[in-house]
Protein backbone atom coordinates (compact mmCIF):
# COMPACT_ATOMS: atom_id res chain seq x y z
CA MET A 1 113.60 1.63 44.74
CA GLU A 2 111.84 1.04 41.50
CA ILE A 3 110.76 4.37 39.87
CA ARG A 4 108.68 4.85 36.75
CA MET A 5 110.58 7.31 34.61
CA ASN A 6 107.85 7.82 31.98
CA GLN A 7 105.50 9.73 34.36
CA ALA A 8 104.52 13.07 32.72
CA PHE A 9 104.36 16.30 34.43
CA THR A 10 101.25 18.37 34.72
CA ASN A 11 100.15 22.02 35.08
CA ILE A 12 98.09 22.93 38.15
CA ASP A 13 95.02 22.50 36.12
CA GLY A 14 95.95 18.86 35.16
CA THR A 15 96.92 19.45 31.58
CA VAL A 16 100.10 17.66 30.53
CA LEU A 17 103.23 19.71 30.25
CA LYS A 18 104.76 19.42 26.69
CA LYS A 19 108.44 19.74 25.63
CA ASN A 20 107.17 20.56 22.27
CA GLU A 21 104.14 19.93 20.04
CA ASN A 22 104.57 16.11 20.00
CA GLU A 23 106.32 15.36 23.24
CA PHE A 24 105.31 15.52 26.78
CA PHE A 25 107.79 16.41 29.53
CA ASP A 26 108.40 13.57 31.90
CA LEU A 27 110.50 12.59 34.81
CA LYS A 28 113.09 10.85 32.56
CA GLY A 29 113.79 14.09 30.74
CA ALA A 30 114.01 16.00 33.85
CA CYS A 31 116.50 13.65 35.40
CA VAL A 32 118.64 13.56 32.39
CA ASP A 33 118.57 17.28 31.90
CA ALA A 34 119.49 17.74 35.65
CA LEU A 35 122.44 15.25 35.50
CA THR A 36 123.90 16.84 32.29
CA VAL A 37 123.44 20.52 32.57
CA ASN A 38 126.45 22.53 33.15
CA ASN A 39 126.22 24.45 36.51
CA PRO A 40 129.16 27.01 36.76
CA GLU A 41 128.45 27.27 40.44
CA GLU A 42 129.48 23.57 40.84
CA LYS A 43 133.06 22.61 40.70
CA LEU A 44 132.96 18.89 39.99
CA SER A 45 135.83 16.57 39.76
CA GLY A 46 136.04 14.44 36.58
CA GLU A 47 135.01 11.45 38.63
CA ASP A 48 131.72 13.20 39.72
CA LYS A 49 131.05 14.16 36.13
CA ILE A 50 131.48 10.48 34.96
CA LYS A 51 129.11 9.32 37.74
CA ARG A 52 126.56 11.81 36.75
CA TRP A 53 127.05 10.78 33.06
CA ASP A 54 126.65 7.10 33.73
CA LEU A 55 123.47 7.69 35.82
CA ALA A 56 122.12 9.87 32.98
CA VAL A 57 122.80 7.08 30.36
CA LYS A 58 121.22 4.49 32.69
CA ILE A 59 117.99 6.60 33.01
CA TYR A 60 117.91 7.62 29.30
CA ASN A 61 118.23 3.93 28.09
CA THR A 62 115.33 2.87 30.44
CA SER A 63 111.90 2.30 28.68
CA SER A 64 109.77 2.59 31.93
CA GLU A 65 110.96 1.55 35.38
CA ILE A 66 114.41 1.82 36.81
CA SER A 67 115.95 0.76 40.16
CA LEU A 68 117.63 3.68 41.83
CA SER A 69 119.35 3.62 45.09
CA SER A 70 118.63 6.19 47.93
CA GLU A 71 121.91 8.01 47.09
CA GLU A 72 120.91 8.33 43.37
CA ILE A 73 117.56 9.63 44.23
CA SER A 74 118.95 12.16 46.74
CA LEU A 75 121.25 13.49 44.01
CA LEU A 76 118.42 13.72 41.37
CA LYS A 77 116.18 15.72 43.92
CA LYS A 78 119.05 18.08 44.63
CA LEU A 79 120.02 18.60 41.01
CA ILE A 80 116.31 18.89 39.91
CA SER A 81 115.68 21.58 42.43
CA ASN A 82 118.65 23.40 41.29
CA ILE A 83 117.52 23.93 37.71
CA PHE A 84 113.75 23.66 37.70
CA GLY A 85 111.04 25.73 39.15
CA THR A 86 108.25 24.60 41.59
CA ILE A 87 106.05 22.72 39.24
CA ILE A 88 108.89 20.23 37.95
CA THR A 89 110.62 20.06 41.36
CA ALA A 90 107.54 19.24 43.50
CA GLN A 91 106.29 16.76 41.17
CA SER A 92 109.74 15.13 40.56
CA TRP A 93 110.37 14.75 44.26
CA LYS A 94 107.01 13.03 44.78
CA MET A 95 107.71 10.61 41.86
CA LEU A 96 111.10 9.99 43.06
CA GLU A 97 109.78 9.26 46.52
CA GLY A 98 107.30 6.69 45.08
CA GLU A 99 104.17 8.83 45.51
């Protein structure tokens, strides 16, 4: 499925969420953060860490749209919901599902 990674997150009032004064927070950033965060509750093999790293690099290097498998989308949804709150999780899931 083709996913636009540069979709910005918004607050409930429609204002764009910002990472800092000059940058908005988007799906690309959430995915890369979710794939690269160290979660001490997860015991990952080296192989799994490499797979996550490779996917993070693939997403980071895209300028706009990227083709993701259903397995990659499921992984991203799971990881995003583990580290982010409701605003980012809900919007990410909808973006990753093509809504």
